[in-house]
Amino acid sequence: MDRDNVSATPKASLRRFLEHLSGAGKAIGVLTSGGDAQGMNAAVRAVVRMGIYVGAKVYFIYEGQGGSILGTKRTLPGKHLEQIAAQMRAHSLNALLIIGGFEAFESSATFAEARGDHQEFCVPICVLPATISNNVPGTDLSLGSDTSLNAIVETCDRIKQSASGTKRRVFIIETMGGFCGYLANMGALAAGADAAYIFEEPFDIRDLQSNVEHLTRKMKTSIQRGLVLRNESCSENYTTDFIYQLYSEEGKGVFDCRKNVLGHMQQGGAPSPFDRNFGTKISARAMQWISTKLKEARGTGKRFVTDESICVLGISKRNLVFRPVVELKKETDFEHRIPREQWWLKLRPLMKILAKYKASLEVSDLGQPEPVSGHSEPAAI
């Protein structure tokens, strides 16, 4: 498993890094797949400039519309493998870089399975996770999720200010993300929400009633407002309209209720500095990985058929990590398009505690403290 620290590279290390690249005469295809996400263009820019630097030919694969200069669509390659292979053969592509969300991950898995029938896919293939939903296996964060989360929290802050002015008002906010509750959960934690309904944590009518009772008690305090977030696909039956109507009916005489579907404003806007830098870093690292693979095969006619030659490049505990797609398939819920384990679920109890619910929290779930400079061990909490 390759690892590369995300922190800034010293000049000497950067020089060695660039000298290590060698892509002269090689052709690399780059495309964006899935829904558009902020930061995709920063990633494409870095790929192209790094490709030019090492002397490689970079081919854009155009399709679709959206927030990517190349355009992006949710089309999967399953029915078009013959045409894709023909285009790769026509342009003599030596490697493929896919920037996108769950569709990019699925596409790479399809290419891995098709290697036996199409030798054109026997090249290094790297997936760079880019989706606001943050539902790509093999990474803690996806490109675009930070910008989207910023937009959600900013909107929630404005709504909370409105609720504070009108008094005794509860807002139900619907976020995007498909079945992945990352945006709803982390948005609720950052915005100081009273509850967040997500697919990963099933809930029923009793939970909804408990939240209404909690808000009823809250209206008797000095903070007479409420904020509830709901992931768009958290429940087939407990929809945003249902929750709004339930809160409105049960809160009669105590508080009134409003609903707000944030919609595609979560996908637009300029990318945050984090997403711009993240996109640049993972693209440069991916180009290094591709160049290294091609350098190993130079003059040998080697075909890439191992699992390690089709990878997802993600971030895990502040390190850039390559994970084989074949390995990640075992950790994926393909029906709901989410990883089977989500690191941010450990923060659910913290959100409830801050909203004054009774919940237990393991300190270890908040991460391991780092030692203070000059000390070998962290101070006791």
Protein backbone atom coordinates (compact mmCIF):
# COMPACT_ATOMS: atom_id res chain seq x y z
CA MET A 1 0.00 0.00 0.00
CA ASP A 2 1.61 3.30 -1.12
CA ARG A 3 1.41 6.26 1.24
CA ASP A 4 2.37 9.87 0.76
CA ASN A 5 2.02 12.54 3.44
CA VAL A 6 -0.35 15.33 2.42
CA SER A 7 1.79 18.02 4.02
CA ALA A 8 3.88 20.36 1.86
CA THR A 9 6.89 18.76 0.15
CA PRO A 10 10.33 20.31 0.87
CA LYS A 11 12.23 21.62 -2.17
CA ALA A 12 14.75 18.77 -2.19
CA SER A 13 12.03 16.14 -2.03
CA LEU A 14 10.05 17.96 -4.72
CA ARG A 15 13.09 17.96 -7.01
CA ARG A 16 13.55 14.21 -6.55
CA PHE A 17 9.83 13.73 -7.07
CA LEU A 18 9.89 15.55 -10.42
CA GLU A 19 13.08 13.81 -11.52
CA HIS A 20 11.39 10.48 -10.80
CA LEU A 21 8.65 11.24 -13.31
CA SER A 22 9.24 10.01 -16.81
CA GLY A 23 6.36 10.02 -19.25
CA ALA A 24 8.01 11.03 -22.51
CA GLY A 25 6.06 9.77 -25.49
CA LYS A 26 3.28 8.25 -23.38
CA ALA A 27 -0.41 9.02 -23.88
CA ILE A 28 -2.63 9.49 -20.83
CA GLY A 29 -6.40 9.86 -21.02
CA VAL A 30 -8.26 11.94 -18.43
CA LEU A 31 -12.02 12.15 -17.96
CA THR A 32 -14.55 13.28 -15.38
CA SER A 33 -17.36 10.91 -14.44
CA GLY A 34 -20.51 11.07 -12.32
CA GLY A 35 -22.07 14.22 -10.88
CA ASP A 36 -20.11 17.45 -11.06
CA ALA A 37 -18.13 18.44 -7.98
CA GLN A 38 -16.22 21.54 -7.01
CA GLY A 39 -12.47 21.11 -7.47
CA MET A 40 -12.64 18.89 -10.56
CA ASN A 41 -11.12 21.62 -12.71
CA ALA A 42 -8.24 22.09 -10.28
CA ALA A 43 -7.54 18.37 -10.58
CA VAL A 44 -7.69 18.45 -14.39
CA ARG A 45 -5.38 21.47 -14.45
CA ALA A 46 -2.79 19.70 -12.31
CA VAL A 47 -2.97 16.53 -14.41
CA VAL A 48 -2.42 18.43 -17.65
CA ARG A 49 0.45 20.55 -16.37
CA MET A 50 2.20 17.61 -14.75
CA GLY A 51 1.70 15.65 -17.96
CA ILE A 52 3.25 18.44 -20.02
CA TYR A 53 6.14 18.66 -17.58
CA VAL A 54 7.05 14.99 -17.99
CA GLY A 55 6.56 15.07 -21.75
CA ALA A 56 3.42 12.95 -21.91
CA LYS A 57 0.47 13.49 -24.23
CA VAL A 58 -2.70 14.19 -22.26
CA TYR A 59 -5.98 13.41 -24.02
CA PHE A 60 -9.24 14.95 -22.83
CA ILE A 61 -12.24 12.64 -22.99
CA TYR A 62 -15.23 14.93 -23.43
CA GLU A 63 -18.86 14.15 -22.58
CA GLY A 64 -21.79 15.63 -20.75
CA GLN A 65 -22.43 18.97 -19.09
CA GLY A 66 -21.75 20.35 -15.64
CA GLY A 67 -19.20 21.94 -13.37
CA SER A 68 -16.24 20.34 -15.10
CA ILE A 69 -14.49 21.88 -18.09
CA LEU A 70 -14.50 18.40 -19.66
CA GLY A 71 -18.16 17.80 -18.85
CA THR A 72 -19.40 14.92 -16.75
CA LYS A 73 -22.17 12.32 -16.98
CA ARG A 74 -23.45 9.43 -14.88
CA THR A 75 -23.27 6.97 -17.80
CA LEU A 76 -21.57 3.66 -16.95
CA PRO A 77 -19.33 1.91 -19.51
CA GLY A 78 -20.98 -1.53 -19.34
CA LYS A 79 -22.74 -1.40 -22.72
CA HIS A 80 -20.01 0.56 -24.49
CA LEU A 81 -16.85 -1.39 -23.72
CA GLU A 82 -16.20 -2.18 -27.40
CA GLN A 83 -16.37 1.50 -28.38
CA ILE A 84 -14.26 2.58 -25.40
CA ALA A 85 -11.61 -0.03 -26.18
CA ALA A 86 -11.60 1.06 -29.83
CA GLN A 87 -11.02 4.70 -28.89
CA MET A 88 -8.25 3.77 -26.46
CA ARG A 89 -6.63 1.68 -29.19
CA ALA A 90 -7.01 4.46 -31.78
CA HIS A 91 -5.24 6.98 -29.55
CA SER A 92 -2.75 4.45 -28.12
CA LEU A 93 -3.60 5.38 -24.54
CA ASN A 94 -1.04 4.05 -22.08
CA ALA A 95 -2.93 5.03 -18.91
CA LEU A 96 -6.30 6.32 -17.77
CA LEU A 97 -7.14 8.83 -15.04
CA ILE A 98 -10.79 9.00 -13.95
CA ILE A 99 -11.92 11.94 -11.81
CA GLY A 100 -15.38 11.43 -10.36
CA GLY A 101 -17.75 9.92 -7.84
CA PHE A 102 -19.24 6.47 -7.37
CA GLU A 103 -19.72 6.11 -11.14
CA ALA A 104 -15.96 6.52 -11.58
CA PHE A 105 -15.38 3.77 -9.03
CA GLU A 106 -17.93 1.48 -10.75
CA SER A 107 -16.40 2.21 -14.16
CA SER A 108 -12.93 1.25 -12.97
CA ALA A 109 -14.33 -2.00 -11.54
CA THR A 110 -15.94 -2.72 -14.92
CA PHE A 111 -12.64 -2.08 -16.71
CA ALA A 112 -10.90 -4.48 -14.32
CA GLU A 113 -13.41 -7.23 -15.15
CA ALA A 114 -13.13 -6.55 -18.89
CA ARG A 115 -9.34 -6.94 -19.08
CA GLY A 116 -9.66 -10.55 -20.15
CA ASP A 117 -11.63 -9.58 -23.26
CA HIS A 118 -10.07 -6.19 -24.04
CA GLN A 119 -6.32 -5.80 -23.69
CA GLU A 120 -6.75 -2.01 -24.08
CA PHE A 121 -7.79 -1.93 -20.42
CA CYS A 122 -4.51 -3.58 -19.37
CA VAL A 123 -3.02 -0.18 -18.54
CA PRO A 124 -2.60 1.70 -15.24
CA ILE A 125 -5.97 3.15 -14.23
CA CYS A 126 -6.34 5.55 -11.31
CA VAL A 127 -9.57 6.95 -9.83
CA LEU A 128 -9.52 10.33 -8.09
CA PRO A 129 -12.63 10.58 -5.84
CA ALA A 130 -14.61 13.73 -6.67
CA THR A 131 -18.18 14.00 -5.39
CA ILE A 132 -20.01 16.16 -2.88
CA SER A 133 -21.68 13.01 -1.51
CA ASN A 134 -18.35 11.69 -0.20
CA ASN A 135 -19.48 8.13 -0.89
CA VAL A 136 -16.48 6.72 -2.78
CA PRO A 137 -14.85 3.72 -1.06
CA GLY A 138 -11.18 4.02 -0.19
CA THR A 139 -11.07 7.63 0.96
CA ASP A 140 -12.08 9.67 4.00
CA LEU A 141 -12.83 12.73 1.88
CA SER A 142 -13.76 13.29 -1.74
CA LEU A 143 -13.00 16.31 -3.86
CA GLY A 144 -15.92 18.77 -3.62
CA SER A 145 -17.36 17.58 -0.31
CA ASP A 146 -15.62 20.35 1.66
CA THR A 147 -17.00 23.11 -0.58
CA SER A 148 -20.49 21.62 -0.43
CA LEU A 149 -20.34 21.29 3.34
CA ASN A 150 -19.29 24.95 3.60
CA ALA A 151 -22.32 25.96 1.52
CA ILE A 152 -24.67 23.90 3.71
CA VAL A 153 -23.31 25.31 6.96
CA GLU A 154 -23.43 28.88 5.65
CA THR A 155 -27.08 28.41 4.66
CA CYS A 156 -27.92 26.80 8.01
CA ASP A 157 -26.32 29.73 9.83
CA ARG A 158 -28.53 32.16 7.91
CA ILE A 159 -31.61 30.08 8.59
CA LYS A 160 -30.77 29.88 12.31
CA GLN A 161 -30.47 33.66 12.37
CA SER A 162 -33.91 33.93 10.78
CA ALA A 163 -35.34 31.46 13.30
CA SER A 164 -33.81 33.44 16.18
CA GLY A 165 -35.53 36.60 14.99
CA THR A 166 -38.99 35.08 14.57
CA LYS A 167 -38.80 32.96 17.77
CA ARG A 168 -40.36 29.53 18.30
CA ARG A 169 -39.64 28.29 14.81
CA VAL A 170 -38.14 24.98 13.65
CA PHE A 171 -36.56 24.51 10.22
CA ILE A 172 -36.33 21.17 8.39
CA ILE A 173 -33.41 21.24 5.94
CA GLU A 174 -32.93 18.62 3.20
CA THR A 175 -29.40 17.98 1.96
CA MET A 176 -28.09 16.02 -1.02
CA GLY A 177 -25.82 12.99 -0.90
CA GLY A 178 -27.96 10.11 -2.14
CA PHE A 179 -27.92 7.38 0.51
CA CYS A 180 -24.74 8.76 2.08
CA GLY A 181 -25.46 10.88 5.15
CA TYR A 182 -22.08 12.62 5.28
CA LEU A 183 -23.37 16.08 4.34
CA ALA A 184 -26.38 15.90 6.67
CA ASN A 185 -24.40 14.53 9.61
CA MET A 186 -21.36 16.80 9.36
CA GLY A 187 -23.51 19.79 8.43
CA ALA A 188 -25.63 19.20 11.54
CA LEU A 189 -22.55 18.92 13.73
CA ALA A 190 -21.00 22.11 12.35
CA ALA A 191 -24.23 24.13 12.35
CA GLY A 192 -25.33 23.07 15.84
CA ALA A 193 -28.48 21.30 14.67
CA ASP A 194 -30.91 19.53 17.00
CA ALA A 195 -31.11 16.34 14.90
CA ALA A 196 -29.96 14.79 11.63
CA TYR A 197 -31.77 11.94 9.88
CA ILE A 198 -29.52 9.71 7.76
CA PHE A 199 -29.80 6.36 5.98
CA GLU A 200 -26.89 4.80 7.88
CA GLU A 201 -28.74 5.14 11.19
CA PRO A 202 -32.33 3.85 10.80
CA PHE A 203 -35.06 5.75 12.63
CA ASP A 204 -38.80 5.35 13.17
CA ILE A 205 -41.83 7.33 14.29
CA ARG A 206 -40.78 7.04 17.94
CA ASP A 207 -37.51 8.79 17.17
CA LEU A 208 -39.36 11.57 15.38
CA GLN A 209 -41.73 11.96 18.32
CA SER A 210 -38.79 12.07 20.73
CA ASN A 211 -37.20 14.87 18.70
CA VAL A 212 -40.45 16.85 18.73
CA GLU A 213 -40.67 16.49 22.50
CA HIS A 214 -37.06 17.60 22.83
CA LEU A 215 -37.76 20.73 20.77
CA THR A 216 -40.90 21.41 22.81
CA ARG A 217 -38.79 21.50 25.97
CA LYS A 218 -36.18 23.62 24.22
CA MET A 219 -38.77 26.31 23.41
CA LYS A 220 -39.12 26.91 27.16
CA THR A 221 -35.45 27.94 27.37
CA SER A 222 -33.72 31.09 26.15
CA ILE A 223 -32.90 29.46 22.78
CA GLN A 224 -36.29 29.36 21.08
CA ARG A 225 -35.43 27.94 17.68
CA GLY A 226 -34.75 24.56 16.12
CA LEU A 227 -32.77 23.15 13.21
CA VAL A 228 -33.14 19.63 11.81
CA LEU A 229 -31.25 18.21 8.82
CA ARG A 230 -32.42 15.33 6.67
CA ASN A 231 -30.46 13.41 4.05
CA GLU A 232 -32.48 13.20 0.82
CA SER A 233 -32.60 9.38 0.74
CA CYS A 234 -32.55 8.58 4.46
CA SER A 235 -36.00 6.97 4.34
CA GLU A 236 -38.50 6.01 1.67
CA ASN A 237 -41.50 6.88 3.83
CA TYR A 238 -40.27 9.51 6.30
CA THR A 239 -39.83 12.14 3.62
CA THR A 240 -39.08 15.81 4.15
CA ASP A 241 -42.77 16.61 3.63
CA PHE A 242 -43.82 13.94 6.14
CA ILE A 243 -41.40 15.18 8.80
CA TYR A 244 -42.48 18.77 8.16
CA GLN A 245 -46.16 17.88 8.56
CA LEU A 246 -45.49 15.82 11.69
CA TYR A 247 -43.49 18.60 13.34
CA SER A 248 -46.10 21.18 12.33
CA GLU A 249 -48.96 19.14 13.82
CA GLU A 250 -47.23 18.01 17.01
CA GLY A 251 -45.71 21.43 17.64
CA LYS A 252 -48.97 23.37 17.41
CA GLY A 253 -49.18 26.03 20.07
CA VAL A 254 -45.49 25.64 20.92
CA PHE A 255 -43.58 26.24 17.68
CA ASP A 256 -44.25 26.53 13.98
CA CYS A 257 -42.28 24.75 11.29
CA ARG A 258 -40.71 25.56 7.93
CA LYS A 259 -38.90 23.37 5.40
CA ASN A 260 -36.10 24.14 2.97
CA VAL A 261 -34.69 21.88 0.25
CA LEU A 262 -31.18 23.16 -0.48
CA GLY A 263 -30.95 21.45 -3.86
CA HIS A 264 -28.19 22.06 -6.38
CA MET A 265 -26.76 25.10 -4.65
CA GLN A 266 -24.69 22.46 -2.86
CA GLN A 267 -23.01 21.54 -6.17
CA GLY A 268 -22.24 25.04 -7.43
CA GLY A 269 -19.95 27.85 -6.42
CA ALA A 270 -16.20 28.32 -6.36
CA PRO A 271 -14.27 25.46 -4.73
CA SER A 272 -12.84 26.04 -1.27
CA PRO A 273 -9.06 26.45 -0.85
CA PHE A 274 -8.97 22.95 0.64
CA ASP A 275 -10.64 21.40 -2.42
CA ARG A 276 -8.40 23.33 -4.82
CA ASN A 277 -5.24 22.23 -3.02
CA PHE A 278 -6.53 18.70 -2.46
CA GLY A 279 -7.34 18.32 -6.16
CA THR A 280 -3.89 19.57 -7.10
CA LYS A 281 -2.09 17.26 -4.67
CA ILE A 282 -3.91 14.05 -5.54
CA SER A 283 -3.57 14.74 -9.27
CA ALA A 284 0.19 15.25 -8.95
CA ARG A 285 0.47 12.08 -6.86
CA ALA A 286 -1.59 10.12 -9.38
CA MET A 287 0.63 11.30 -12.24
CA GLN A 288 3.68 10.19 -10.27
CA TRP A 289 2.11 6.75 -9.77
CA ILE A 290 1.22 6.43 -13.46
CA SER A 291 4.67 7.57 -14.57
CA THR A 292 6.32 5.07 -12.25
CA LYS A 293 4.19 2.23 -13.62
CA LEU A 294 4.93 3.19 -17.23
CA LYS A 295 8.63 3.55 -16.49
CA GLU A 296 8.71 0.00 -15.11
CA ALA A 297 7.14 -1.32 -18.32
CA ARG A 298 9.23 0.73 -20.77
CA GLY A 299 10.60 -1.36 -23.63
CA THR A 300 9.19 -4.61 -22.25
CA GLY A 301 5.73 -4.54 -23.78
CA LYS A 302 4.38 -5.33 -20.33
CA ARG A 303 0.62 -5.47 -19.90
CA PHE A 304 -0.87 -4.46 -16.58
CA VAL A 305 -3.16 -7.21 -15.31
CA THR A 306 -2.58 -7.17 -11.53
CA ASP A 307 -5.16 -5.83 -9.09
CA GLU A 308 -2.73 -3.12 -7.96
CA SER A 309 -2.73 -1.51 -11.42
CA ILE A 310 -6.33 -0.27 -11.03
CA CYS A 311 -6.54 1.86 -7.90
CA VAL A 312 -8.46 4.52 -6.05
CA LEU A 313 -6.24 7.30 -4.71
CA GLY A 314 -7.81 8.60 -1.51
CA ILE A 315 -6.94 10.29 1.74
CA SER A 316 -6.83 8.27 4.95
CA LYS A 317 -5.69 9.75 8.25
CA ARG A 318 -3.96 12.63 6.45
CA ASN A 319 -2.07 10.30 4.11
CA LEU A 320 -2.63 9.74 0.41
CA VAL A 321 -3.30 6.04 -0.04
CA PHE A 322 -3.65 3.83 -3.13
CA ARG A 323 -6.21 1.04 -2.72
CA PRO A 324 -6.90 -1.60 -5.41
CA VAL A 325 -10.45 -1.41 -6.77
CA VAL A 326 -10.83 -5.20 -6.48
CA GLU A 327 -10.07 -4.95 -2.76
CA LEU A 328 -12.49 -2.05 -2.25
CA LYS A 329 -15.37 -3.89 -3.94
CA LYS A 330 -15.56 -6.16 -0.88
CA GLU A 331 -16.10 -3.11 1.35
CA THR A 332 -18.83 -1.55 -0.78
CA ASP A 333 -22.63 -1.55 -0.64
CA PHE A 334 -23.32 -1.29 -4.37
CA GLU A 335 -27.10 -1.23 -3.95
CA HIS A 336 -26.96 2.00 -1.97
CA ARG A 337 -23.68 3.24 -3.45
CA ILE A 338 -21.87 3.75 -0.14
CA PRO A 339 -18.92 2.19 1.75
CA ARG A 340 -19.99 -0.39 4.33
CA GLU A 341 -18.09 1.48 7.03
CA GLN A 342 -18.13 5.26 7.50
CA TRP A 343 -15.59 6.98 9.76
CA TRP A 344 -17.83 9.98 10.46
CA LEU A 345 -20.57 7.85 12.05
CA LYS A 346 -18.46 7.84 15.22
CA LEU A 347 -19.27 11.55 15.58
CA ARG A 348 -23.03 10.96 15.81
CA PRO A 349 -23.03 10.76 19.64
CA LEU A 350 -21.11 14.05 19.84
CA MET A 351 -23.75 15.81 17.76
CA LYS A 352 -26.48 14.49 20.08
CA ILE A 353 -24.58 15.51 23.22
CA LEU A 354 -24.14 19.06 21.90
CA ALA A 355 -27.89 19.16 21.19
CA LYS A 356 -28.46 18.17 24.86
CA TYR A 357 -29.58 14.61 24.27
CA LYS A 358 -28.37 11.78 26.47
CA ALA A 359 -25.71 9.83 24.59
CA SER A 360 -22.44 8.06 25.31
CA LEU A 361 -19.24 8.98 23.53
CA GLU A 362 -15.92 7.17 23.35
CA VAL A 363 -13.05 9.66 23.55
CA SER A 364 -11.09 7.47 21.11
CA ASP A 365 -13.73 8.17 18.46
CA LEU A 366 -12.58 11.79 18.33
CA GLY A 367 -9.11 10.77 17.15
CA GLN A 368 -5.78 10.27 18.85
CA PRO A 369 -4.16 13.41 20.31
CA GLU A 370 -0.69 14.27 19.05
CA PRO A 371 2.14 14.94 21.52
CA VAL A 372 3.02 18.53 22.32
CA SER A 373 6.37 19.56 20.86
CA GLY A 374 9.16 18.57 23.22
CA HIS A 375 7.19 15.77 24.89
CA SER A 376 7.25 12.12 23.92
CA GLU A 377 3.78 11.37 25.27
CA PRO A 378 0.52 13.34 25.03
CA ALA A 379 -0.73 14.93 28.22
CA ALA A 380 -3.53 13.11 30.01
CA ILE A 381 -7.01 14.36 29.20
